[in-house]
Each structure stands twice: as C-alpha cells, then as structure tokens.
Amino acid sequence: MTDLTGKTALVTGSVQGIGLAVAKALAEAGARIAVHGLADAETASEVCAEITAQGAPEVRFFGTDLREPDRIDRMMAELEVWGGVDVLVNNAGIQHTAPLAEMPRETWAAILDVNLSAAFHTMQAAMPGMAERGYGRVVNIASVHGLVASVNKAPYCAAKFGLVGLSRVAALEYAAQGAKARGGVTVNCIAPGWTETAIIEPQVAARAALHGGDRDAGVADLLAEKQPSRRLSDPSEIGALALWLCDPVAHNVTGTTIPVDGGWTAQ
C-alpha cells in the first residue's frame, strides 16, 4: 500500500466528485490534505471531517478563487509555510456547452482560467520545492476531451488539450530530479470519460428528457454514443489511480495521459 505519511497534498476542487475521491484516497495513505473549493463554511467543515475520518493527520480548507492568480499565489505561499506541497492534484474544473458561435467570451475566459491557467500557477509554485526534496507528484485531471474533441465544448477541449501539453512539458523539465528510491518528480494526467459526477448532470438531464425523464435511460443513451463499456466510472476509481501514481514504484511513469474511459479513445 502506498505510504504518504509526512507528505502534504493539495487537491483543487476537492469538495465533491473526483476531487473528493482523490483527497480521500490520499488521506487513507496518510497524507496531510489541503482541501480546496468554493464552498460555504458548513460544507467545508463537513468535507474536512470526512477526509479526517479517512485517516488524514491534518486537514486545511482553502476557498481560493482559481480565476485570480494573486489569490493562488497566496494559497501556495501558505502551503509552503505548512511544509510545501509534495502531491499536487489539479482537479478543479468548470464546464459550459454551447456552439462556438454562441459561446460567451467571459465563459471562454473563465473556463481557461480555472481548467488550465490555475494548473500552471500551482505547478509553477510547487514544483521547485518538489525538486529540492527529491520527491513530487503532479496529477492533473484532464479528460477524454483533452485527447479527442466534441461539439459545443470549445473552451473545455481547449483547456484540457492545453493541460495535457503543459503536463508533458513539465514532465520533461523535471524528469531527472530526485532518485528511484525516493520516487523522483513526475507529472501525469488522468483522462476520465463519463464519470458519475455533478459536471455531467446537465447532459444527463438533456438525454433523460428525450426518454420521458428516465435518468437511467438518459445515461445509457449518453454512454452508448461514445463509451464502449457503457458503464460510468466511479470517482473512487480515479482516486485509486491517482494514489498509485504517487507511489515511488511509479517513478518512471511521467508525461503520460491515462484514459479511464471504457474504450472511448481506443476507437
């Protein structure tokens, strides 16, 4: 079992969905967890308690707006005082579907800021410290839409394709840091396909409406189009993969994008 005792992990967008599942997996391995999200005090407290119950020796909450680089800098500076980030999971993301001709400019900018630029800012702040310590893990939650395109998702695809490229560059720049025994410094992407999270609900609802409001039929219709397994992934499955990538045994797994998509990108 991966042991992250003494390590600090920042998981952005970790108050729900994939981010929460990843935070729980890292907590179970003994990591201190920096929880992040735009949540009210009650929700933040409940999530922190949940992650503590999973085994995290210490949990802190950050409500940083990732559209604002100065606020990201302040968050990363606070984490440096806490001991520095050993594991960085850039999971926070927002989505809006609309044809290219109808996509609002402010929506384009917001999606790029949260889904791509924020990862650049957190990586730029955290990775030099990882190199100094000889161990570091960056796991960027991309998407199948970082590997293949889809209509009505121009900013989302642009951001996720960009995240894959950014991750590959960082992987090359830090590939020689650290040693095998410690685990080195690696940067990888996980590219989920259809996963049981809130971000897909608008699309599920639209498909369900075509089937008289039947959600199960809507999900089946959605998956039949692109995901050959016709099964949704559970966020905990993404968490388990992220945890494995943090193990020293994965020291030579870097610069990769691992799809969890039921065969979607194999077609």
C-alpha atoms as a PDB file:
ATOM      1  CA  MET A   1       0.000   0.000   0.000  1.00  0.00           C
ATOM      2  CA  THR A   2       1.269   3.467  -0.884  1.00  0.00           C
ATOM      3  CA  ASP A   3       2.509   5.289   2.219  1.00  0.00           C
ATOM      4  CA  LEU A   4       2.222   9.075   2.123  1.00  0.00           C
ATOM      5  CA  THR A   5       2.969   9.640   5.796  1.00  0.00           C
ATOM      6  CA  GLY A   6       4.678  13.010   6.218  1.00  0.00           C
ATOM      7  CA  LYS A   7       3.565  14.206   2.790  1.00  0.00           C
ATOM      8  CA  THR A   8       1.257  17.142   2.056  1.00  0.00           C
ATOM      9  CA  ALA A   9      -1.243  17.012  -0.787  1.00  0.00           C
ATOM     10  CA  LEU A  10      -3.216  19.837  -2.375  1.00  0.00           C
ATOM     11  CA  VAL A  11      -6.278  18.700  -4.300  1.00  0.00           C
ATOM     12  CA  THR A  12      -8.117  21.504  -6.063  1.00  0.00           C
ATOM     13  CA  GLY A  13     -11.855  21.181  -6.456  1.00  0.00           C
ATOM     14  CA  SER A  14     -11.987  18.590  -3.680  1.00  0.00           C
ATOM     15  CA  VAL A  15     -15.314  19.305  -2.004  1.00  0.00           C
ATOM     16  CA  GLN A  16     -17.150  16.879  -4.292  1.00  0.00           C
ATOM     17  CA  GLY A  17     -16.822  14.376  -7.107  1.00  0.00           C
ATOM     18  CA  ILE A  18     -13.455  13.218  -8.389  1.00  0.00           C
ATOM     19  CA  GLY A  19     -11.515  15.708  -6.281  1.00  0.00           C
ATOM     20  CA  LEU A  20     -13.106  14.499  -3.053  1.00  0.00           C
ATOM     21  CA  ALA A  21     -12.477  10.873  -4.013  1.00  0.00           C
ATOM     22  CA  VAL A  22      -8.805  11.624  -4.716  1.00  0.00           C
ATOM     23  CA  ALA A  23      -8.445  13.522  -1.428  1.00  0.00           C
ATOM     24  CA  LYS A  24      -9.920  10.552   0.462  1.00  0.00           C
ATOM     25  CA  ALA A  25      -7.548   8.103  -1.233  1.00  0.00           C
ATOM     26  CA  LEU A  26      -4.526  10.239  -0.366  1.00  0.00           C
ATOM     27  CA  ALA A  27      -5.800  10.721   3.198  1.00  0.00           C
ATOM     28  CA  GLU A  28      -6.141   6.976   3.655  1.00  0.00           C
ATOM     29  CA  ALA A  29      -2.462   6.693   2.677  1.00  0.00           C
ATOM     30  CA  GLY A  30      -1.542   9.097   5.493  1.00  0.00           C
ATOM     31  CA  ALA A  31      -1.096  12.412   3.676  1.00  0.00           C
ATOM     32  CA  ARG A  32      -1.995  15.787   5.138  1.00  0.00           C
ATOM     33  CA  ILE A  33      -4.681  17.224   2.874  1.00  0.00           C
ATOM     34  CA  ALA A  34      -5.236  20.759   1.672  1.00  0.00           C
ATOM     35  CA  VAL A  35      -8.882  20.730   0.632  1.00  0.00           C
ATOM     36  CA  HIS A  36      -9.907  23.336  -1.906  1.00  0.00           C
ATOM     37  CA  GLY A  37     -13.190  24.524  -3.336  1.00  0.00           C
ATOM     38  CA  LEU A  38     -15.793  27.248  -3.495  1.00  0.00           C
ATOM     39  CA  ALA A  39     -17.960  26.053  -0.630  1.00  0.00           C
ATOM     40  CA  ASP A  40     -19.798  27.562   2.315  1.00  0.00           C
ATOM     41  CA  ALA A  41     -18.404  27.116   5.824  1.00  0.00           C
ATOM     42  CA  GLU A  42     -20.746  24.239   6.702  1.00  0.00           C
ATOM     43  CA  THR A  43     -19.913  22.243   3.575  1.00  0.00           C
ATOM     44  CA  ALA A  44     -16.191  22.893   4.002  1.00  0.00           C
ATOM     45  CA  SER A  45     -16.340  21.701   7.615  1.00  0.00           C
ATOM     46  CA  GLU A  46     -18.245  18.551   6.668  1.00  0.00           C
ATOM     47  CA  VAL A  47     -15.795  17.688   3.879  1.00  0.00           C
ATOM     48  CA  CYS A  48     -12.768  18.250   6.124  1.00  0.00           C
ATOM     49  CA  ALA A  49     -14.313  15.981   8.772  1.00  0.00           C
ATOM     50  CA  GLU A  50     -14.968  13.333   6.126  1.00  0.00           C
ATOM     51  CA  ILE A  51     -11.349  13.431   4.952  1.00  0.00           C
ATOM     52  CA  THR A  52     -10.037  13.378   8.516  1.00  0.00           C
ATOM     53  CA  ALA A  53     -12.118  10.259   9.119  1.00  0.00           C
ATOM     54  CA  GLN A  54     -10.333   8.640   6.169  1.00  0.00           C
ATOM     55  CA  GLY A  55      -7.024   8.956   8.001  1.00  0.00           C
ATOM     56  CA  ALA A  56      -5.542  12.366   7.173  1.00  0.00           C
ATOM     57  CA  PRO A  57      -3.464  13.519  10.166  1.00  0.00           C
ATOM     58  CA  GLU A  58      -4.237  17.159   9.360  1.00  0.00           C
ATOM     59  CA  VAL A  59      -6.676  18.881   7.022  1.00  0.00           C
ATOM     60  CA  ARG A  60      -6.933  22.521   5.973  1.00  0.00           C
ATOM     61  CA  PHE A  61      -9.501  24.188   3.757  1.00  0.00           C
ATOM     62  CA  PHE A  62      -8.785  26.836   1.111  1.00  0.00           C
ATOM     63  CA  GLY A  63     -11.615  28.682  -0.627  1.00  0.00           C
ATOM     64  CA  THR A  64      -9.374  30.284  -3.240  1.00  0.00           C
ATOM     65  CA  ASP A  65     -10.955  31.573  -6.455  1.00  0.00           C
ATOM     66  CA  LEU A  66      -8.771  29.985  -9.142  1.00  0.00           C
ATOM     67  CA  ARG A  67      -9.625  32.696 -11.644  1.00  0.00           C
ATOM     68  CA  GLU A  68      -7.364  35.052  -9.675  1.00  0.00           C
ATOM     69  CA  PRO A  69      -3.597  34.339  -9.880  1.00  0.00           C
ATOM     70  CA  ASP A  70      -2.758  36.574  -6.911  1.00  0.00           C
ATOM     71  CA  ARG A  71      -5.046  34.542  -4.669  1.00  0.00           C
ATOM     72  CA  ILE A  72      -3.490  31.325  -5.956  1.00  0.00           C
ATOM     73  CA  ASP A  73      -0.067  32.733  -5.063  1.00  0.00           C
ATOM     74  CA  ARG A  74      -1.252  33.462  -1.522  1.00  0.00           C
ATOM     75  CA  MET A  75      -2.633  29.939  -1.134  1.00  0.00           C
ATOM     76  CA  MET A  76       0.608  28.390  -2.352  1.00  0.00           C
ATOM     77  CA  ALA A  77       2.647  30.622  -0.036  1.00  0.00           C
ATOM     78  CA  GLU A  78       0.540  29.453   2.935  1.00  0.00           C
ATOM     79  CA  LEU A  79       1.113  25.861   1.906  1.00  0.00           C
ATOM     80  CA  GLU A  80       4.850  26.475   1.689  1.00  0.00           C
ATOM     81  CA  VAL A  81       4.786  27.570   5.334  1.00  0.00           C
ATOM     82  CA  TRP A  82       2.879  24.350   6.100  1.00  0.00           C
ATOM     83  CA  GLY A  83       5.825  22.396   4.692  1.00  0.00           C
ATOM     84  CA  GLY A  84       5.385  22.586   0.948  1.00  0.00           C
ATOM     85  CA  VAL A  85       3.237  20.603  -1.468  1.00  0.00           C
ATOM     86  CA  ASP A  86       4.510  17.080  -2.196  1.00  0.00           C
ATOM     87  CA  VAL A  87       1.454  15.939  -4.139  1.00  0.00           C
ATOM     88  CA  LEU A  88      -0.459  18.368  -6.349  1.00  0.00           C
ATOM     89  CA  VAL A  89      -3.713  17.271  -7.926  1.00  0.00           C
ATOM     90  CA  ASN A  90      -5.226  19.863 -10.250  1.00  0.00           C
ATOM     91  CA  ASN A  91      -8.808  18.707 -10.458  1.00  0.00           C
ATOM     92  CA  ALA A  92     -10.923  21.883 -10.294  1.00  0.00           C
ATOM     93  CA  GLY A  93     -12.893  22.448 -13.444  1.00  0.00           C
ATOM     94  CA  ILE A  94     -15.938  24.176 -14.842  1.00  0.00           C
ATOM     95  CA  GLN A  95     -17.906  23.422 -17.983  1.00  0.00           C
ATOM     96  CA  HIS A  96     -20.371  25.140 -20.296  1.00  0.00           C
ATOM     97  CA  THR A  97     -21.736  23.698 -23.517  1.00  0.00           C
ATOM     98  CA  ALA A  98     -22.671  25.929 -26.439  1.00  0.00           C
ATOM     99  CA  PRO A  99     -21.820  26.207 -30.124  1.00  0.00           C
ATOM    100  CA  LEU A 100     -18.620  28.090 -30.882  1.00  0.00           C
ATOM    101  CA  ALA A 101     -20.546  30.967 -32.442  1.00  0.00           C
ATOM    102  CA  GLU A 102     -22.648  31.372 -29.291  1.00  0.00           C
ATOM    103  CA  MET A 103     -20.001  30.835 -26.599  1.00  0.00           C
ATOM    104  CA  PRO A 104     -19.785  33.978 -24.412  1.00  0.00           C
ATOM    105  CA  ARG A 105     -16.278  35.434 -24.256  1.00  0.00           C
ATOM    106  CA  GLU A 106     -16.397  35.681 -20.477  1.00  0.00           C
ATOM    107  CA  THR A 107     -17.268  31.962 -20.288  1.00  0.00           C
ATOM    108  CA  TRP A 108     -14.324  31.116 -22.554  1.00  0.00           C
ATOM    109  CA  ALA A 109     -12.003  33.123 -20.284  1.00  0.00           C
ATOM    110  CA  ALA A 110     -13.351  31.612 -17.049  1.00  0.00           C
ATOM    111  CA  ILE A 111     -13.026  28.018 -18.285  1.00  0.00           C
ATOM    112  CA  LEU A 112      -9.448  28.614 -19.460  1.00  0.00           C
ATOM    113  CA  ASP A 113      -8.590  30.323 -16.156  1.00  0.00           C
ATOM    114  CA  VAL A 114      -9.911  27.549 -13.914  1.00  0.00           C
ATOM    115  CA  ASN A 115      -9.188  24.458 -16.018  1.00  0.00           C
ATOM    116  CA  LEU A 116      -5.771  25.400 -17.405  1.00  0.00           C
ATOM    117  CA  SER A 117      -4.143  28.585 -16.115  1.00  0.00           C
ATOM    118  CA  ALA A 118      -4.711  27.657 -12.466  1.00  0.00           C
ATOM    119  CA  ALA A 119      -2.757  24.429 -13.010  1.00  0.00           C
ATOM    120  CA  PHE A 120       0.119  26.424 -14.465  1.00  0.00           C
ATOM    121  CA  HIS A 121       0.164  28.709 -11.419  1.00  0.00           C
ATOM    122  CA  THR A 122       0.047  25.895  -8.856  1.00  0.00           C
ATOM    123  CA  MET A 123       2.681  23.851 -10.690  1.00  0.00           C
ATOM    124  CA  GLN A 124       4.997  26.816 -11.073  1.00  0.00           C
ATOM    125  CA  ALA A 125       4.785  27.444  -7.334  1.00  0.00           C
ATOM    126  CA  ALA A 126       5.017  23.848  -6.110  1.00  0.00           C
ATOM    127  CA  MET A 127       7.425  22.037  -8.406  1.00  0.00           C
ATOM    128  CA  PRO A 128      10.734  23.713  -7.456  1.00  0.00           C
ATOM    129  CA  GLY A 129      10.188  22.558  -3.862  1.00  0.00           C
ATOM    130  CA  MET A 130       9.411  19.037  -5.075  1.00  0.00           C
ATOM    131  CA  ALA A 131      12.716  19.018  -6.946  1.00  0.00           C
ATOM    132  CA  GLU A 132      14.603  20.153  -3.855  1.00  0.00           C
ATOM    133  CA  ARG A 133      13.059  17.373  -1.756  1.00  0.00           C
ATOM    134  CA  GLY A 134      13.627  14.723  -4.423  1.00  0.00           C
ATOM    135  CA  TYR A 135      10.005  13.631  -4.460  1.00  0.00           C
ATOM    136  CA  GLY A 136       6.940  15.156  -6.034  1.00  0.00           C
ATOM    137  CA  ARG A 137       3.799  14.168  -7.816  1.00  0.00           C
ATOM    138  CA  VAL A 138       1.619  16.271 -10.070  1.00  0.00           C
ATOM    139  CA  VAL A 139      -1.562  14.545 -11.182  1.00  0.00           C
ATOM    140  CA  ASN A 140      -3.638  16.705 -13.486  1.00  0.00           C
ATOM    141  CA  ILE A 141      -7.209  15.594 -14.003  1.00  0.00           C
ATOM    142  CA  ALA A 142      -7.674  16.164 -17.705  1.00  0.00           C
ATOM    143  CA  SER A 143     -10.468  14.462 -19.644  1.00  0.00           C
ATOM    144  CA  VAL A 144     -11.065  12.402 -22.750  1.00  0.00           C
ATOM    145  CA  HIS A 145     -11.719  15.885 -24.124  1.00  0.00           C
ATOM    146  CA  GLY A 146      -8.007  16.529 -23.725  1.00  0.00           C
ATOM    147  CA  LEU A 147      -7.440  13.748 -26.282  1.00  0.00           C
ATOM    148  CA  VAL A 148     -10.453  13.932 -28.594  1.00  0.00           C
ATOM    149  CA  ALA A 149     -12.773  16.804 -29.417  1.00  0.00           C
ATOM    150  CA  SER A 150     -16.513  17.156 -29.005  1.00  0.00           C
ATOM    151  CA  VAL A 151     -19.005  19.634 -30.404  1.00  0.00           C
ATOM    152  CA  ASN A 152     -20.201  22.522 -28.238  1.00  0.00           C
ATOM    153  CA  LYS A 153     -17.195  22.269 -25.895  1.00  0.00           C
ATOM    154  CA  ALA A 154     -14.627  24.605 -27.459  1.00  0.00           C
ATOM    155  CA  PRO A 155     -13.228  26.172 -24.242  1.00  0.00           C
ATOM    156  CA  TYR A 156     -13.336  22.902 -22.287  1.00  0.00           C
ATOM    157  CA  CYS A 157     -11.495  20.984 -25.018  1.00  0.00           C
ATOM    158  CA  ALA A 158      -9.011  23.819 -25.499  1.00  0.00           C
ATOM    159  CA  ALA A 159      -8.263  23.845 -21.761  1.00  0.00           C
ATOM    160  CA  LYS A 160      -7.943  20.077 -21.434  1.00  0.00           C
ATOM    161  CA  PHE A 161      -5.781  19.700 -24.560  1.00  0.00           C
ATOM    162  CA  GLY A 162      -3.658  22.512 -23.116  1.00  0.00           C
ATOM    163  CA  LEU A 163      -3.421  20.752 -19.756  1.00  0.00           C
ATOM    164  CA  VAL A 164      -2.074  17.628 -21.446  1.00  0.00           C
ATOM    165  CA  GLY A 165       0.549  19.705 -23.254  1.00  0.00           C
ATOM    166  CA  LEU A 166       1.511  21.631 -20.138  1.00  0.00           C
ATOM    167  CA  SER A 167       1.903  18.365 -18.223  1.00  0.00           C
ATOM    168  CA  ARG A 168       4.188  16.871 -20.857  1.00  0.00           C
ATOM    169  CA  VAL A 169       6.461  19.905 -20.837  1.00  0.00           C
ATOM    170  CA  ALA A 170       6.692  19.913 -17.035  1.00  0.00           C
ATOM    171  CA  ALA A 171       7.358  16.164 -17.030  1.00  0.00           C
ATOM    172  CA  LEU A 172      10.341  16.664 -19.338  1.00  0.00           C
ATOM    173  CA  GLU A 173      11.710  19.595 -17.370  1.00  0.00           C
ATOM    174  CA  TYR A 174      11.612  17.670 -14.061  1.00  0.00           C
ATOM    175  CA  ALA A 175      12.261  14.112 -15.295  1.00  0.00           C
ATOM    176  CA  ALA A 176      15.831  13.910 -13.935  1.00  0.00           C
ATOM    177  CA  GLN A 177      15.000  15.290 -10.486  1.00  0.00           C
ATOM    178  CA  GLY A 178      15.232  13.013  -7.465  1.00  0.00           C
ATOM    179  CA  ALA A 179      16.162   9.335  -7.461  1.00  0.00           C
ATOM    180  CA  LYS A 180      14.444   5.965  -7.861  1.00  0.00           C
ATOM    181  CA  ALA A 181      14.428   5.206  -4.133  1.00  0.00           C
ATOM    182  CA  ARG A 182      12.638   8.430  -3.247  1.00  0.00           C
ATOM    183  CA  GLY A 183      10.366   8.334  -6.279  1.00  0.00           C
ATOM    184  CA  GLY A 184      11.572  11.340  -8.261  1.00  0.00           C
ATOM    185  CA  VAL A 185       9.290  14.055  -9.566  1.00  0.00           C
ATOM    186  CA  THR A 186       6.618  13.050 -12.047  1.00  0.00           C
ATOM    187  CA  VAL A 187       3.792  14.780 -13.889  1.00  0.00           C
ATOM    188  CA  ASN A 188       0.895  12.862 -15.371  1.00  0.00           C
ATOM    189  CA  CYS A 189      -2.682  13.354 -16.489  1.00  0.00           C
ATOM    190  CA  ILE A 190      -5.684  11.172 -15.852  1.00  0.00           C
ATOM    191  CA  ALA A 191      -8.309  11.480 -18.571  1.00  0.00           C
ATOM    192  CA  PRO A 192     -11.713  10.316 -17.313  1.00  0.00           C
ATOM    193  CA  GLY A 193     -14.534   9.552 -19.672  1.00  0.00           C
ATOM    194  CA  TRP A 194     -18.123   9.573 -18.435  1.00  0.00           C
ATOM    195  CA  THR A 195     -17.876   9.564 -14.635  1.00  0.00           C
ATOM    196  CA  GLU A 196     -20.605   9.810 -12.023  1.00  0.00           C
ATOM    197  CA  THR A 197     -20.117  13.477 -11.087  1.00  0.00           C
ATOM    198  CA  ALA A 198     -22.175  16.648 -10.950  1.00  0.00           C
ATOM    199  CA  ILE A 199     -20.472  18.122 -14.026  1.00  0.00           C
ATOM    200  CA  ILE A 200     -22.242  15.666 -16.369  1.00  0.00           C
ATOM    201  CA  GLU A 201     -25.709  16.190 -14.890  1.00  0.00           C
ATOM    202  CA  PRO A 202     -26.833  18.839 -17.428  1.00  0.00           C
ATOM    203  CA  GLN A 203     -26.003  16.427 -20.265  1.00  0.00           C
ATOM    204  CA  VAL A 204     -27.678  13.513 -18.486  1.00  0.00           C
ATOM    205  CA  ALA A 205     -30.774  15.655 -17.907  1.00  0.00           C
ATOM    206  CA  ALA A 206     -30.915  16.623 -21.572  1.00  0.00           C
ATOM    207  CA  ARG A 207     -30.772  12.975 -22.641  1.00  0.00           C
ATOM    208  CA  ALA A 208     -33.250  11.915 -19.953  1.00  0.00           C
ATOM    209  CA  ALA A 209     -35.703  14.483 -21.300  1.00  0.00           C
ATOM    210  CA  LEU A 210     -35.675  12.579 -24.594  1.00  0.00           C
ATOM    211  CA  HIS A 211     -36.785   9.477 -22.694  1.00  0.00           C
ATOM    212  CA  GLY A 212     -39.635  10.932 -20.679  1.00  0.00           C
ATOM    213  CA  GLY A 213     -37.405  11.979 -17.790  1.00  0.00           C
ATOM    214  CA  ASP A 214     -35.919   8.494 -17.242  1.00  0.00           C
ATOM    215  CA  ARG A 215     -32.398   9.183 -15.892  1.00  0.00           C
ATOM    216  CA  ASP A 216     -31.134   5.626 -16.383  1.00  0.00           C
ATOM    217  CA  ALA A 217     -32.262   5.718 -19.990  1.00  0.00           C
ATOM    218  CA  GLY A 218     -30.590   9.101 -20.393  1.00  0.00           C
ATOM    219  CA  VAL A 219     -27.289   7.774 -19.015  1.00  0.00           C
ATOM    220  CA  ALA A 220     -27.485   4.719 -21.288  1.00  0.00           C
ATOM    221  CA  ASP A 221     -28.171   6.940 -24.299  1.00  0.00           C
ATOM    222  CA  LEU A 222     -25.246   9.208 -23.425  1.00  0.00           C
ATOM    223  CA  LEU A 223     -22.758   6.360 -22.948  1.00  0.00           C
ATOM    224  CA  ALA A 224     -23.868   4.386 -25.990  1.00  0.00           C
ATOM    225  CA  GLU A 225     -22.733   7.254 -28.185  1.00  0.00           C
ATOM    226  CA  LYS A 226     -19.052   7.215 -27.186  1.00  0.00           C
ATOM    227  CA  GLN A 227     -18.105   4.937 -24.234  1.00  0.00           C
ATOM    228  CA  PRO A 228     -17.991   1.298 -25.453  1.00  0.00           C
ATOM    229  CA  SER A 229     -18.124  -0.207 -21.959  1.00  0.00           C
ATOM    230  CA  ARG A 230     -21.459   1.563 -21.431  1.00  0.00           C
ATOM    231  CA  ARG A 231     -20.510   1.868 -17.765  1.00  0.00           C
ATOM    232  CA  LEU A 232     -19.962   5.053 -15.804  1.00  0.00           C
ATOM    233  CA  SER A 233     -16.737   5.250 -13.821  1.00  0.00           C
ATOM    234  CA  ASP A 234     -16.945   5.895 -10.092  1.00  0.00           C
ATOM    235  CA  PRO A 235     -14.843   8.785  -8.724  1.00  0.00           C
ATOM    236  CA  SER A 236     -13.163   6.358  -6.298  1.00  0.00           C
ATOM    237  CA  GLU A 237     -11.624   4.576  -9.286  1.00  0.00           C
ATOM    238  CA  ILE A 238      -9.907   7.804 -10.319  1.00  0.00           C
ATOM    239  CA  GLY A 239      -8.763   8.224  -6.711  1.00  0.00           C
ATOM    240  CA  ALA A 240      -7.184   4.770  -6.704  1.00  0.00           C
ATOM    241  CA  LEU A 241      -5.252   5.528  -9.894  1.00  0.00           C
ATOM    242  CA  ALA A 242      -4.062   8.890  -8.591  1.00  0.00           C
ATOM    243  CA  LEU A 243      -2.824   7.197  -5.420  1.00  0.00           C
ATOM    244  CA  TRP A 244      -0.890   4.591  -7.392  1.00  0.00           C
ATOM    245  CA  LEU A 245       0.805   7.335  -9.411  1.00  0.00           C
ATOM    246  CA  CYS A 246       2.033   8.770  -6.084  1.00  0.00           C
ATOM    247  CA  ASP A 247       3.868   5.575  -5.148  1.00  0.00           C
ATOM    248  CA  PRO A 248       7.671   5.547  -5.602  1.00  0.00           C
ATOM    249  CA  VAL A 249       7.226   2.496  -7.848  1.00  0.00           C
ATOM    250  CA  ALA A 250       5.736   4.884 -10.435  1.00  0.00           C
ATOM    251  CA  HIS A 251       8.980   6.911 -10.649  1.00  0.00           C
ATOM    252  CA  ASN A 252       9.299   6.264 -14.399  1.00  0.00           C
ATOM    253  CA  VAL A 253       5.664   6.933 -15.232  1.00  0.00           C
ATOM    254  CA  THR A 254       5.800  10.559 -16.292  1.00  0.00           C
ATOM    255  CA  GLY A 255       4.489  12.630 -19.156  1.00  0.00           C
ATOM    256  CA  THR A 256       1.620  10.236 -19.699  1.00  0.00           C
ATOM    257  CA  THR A 257      -2.122  10.702 -20.051  1.00  0.00           C
ATOM    258  CA  ILE A 258      -4.032   7.687 -18.790  1.00  0.00           C
ATOM    259  CA  PRO A 259      -7.603   7.387 -20.071  1.00  0.00           C
ATOM    260  CA  VAL A 260     -10.267   5.905 -17.797  1.00  0.00           C
ATOM    261  CA  ASP A 261     -12.920   5.910 -20.463  1.00  0.00           C
ATOM    262  CA  GLY A 262     -14.273   2.442 -21.171  1.00  0.00           C
ATOM    263  CA  GLY A 263     -12.539   2.365 -24.555  1.00  0.00           C
ATOM    264  CA  TRP A 264     -13.738   5.778 -25.777  1.00  0.00           C
ATOM    265  CA  THR A 265     -10.315   6.947 -27.038  1.00  0.00           C
ATOM    266  CA  ALA A 266      -9.398   3.482 -28.373  1.00  0.00           C
ATOM    267  CA  GLN A 267     -11.900   3.889 -31.224  1.00  0.00           C
END
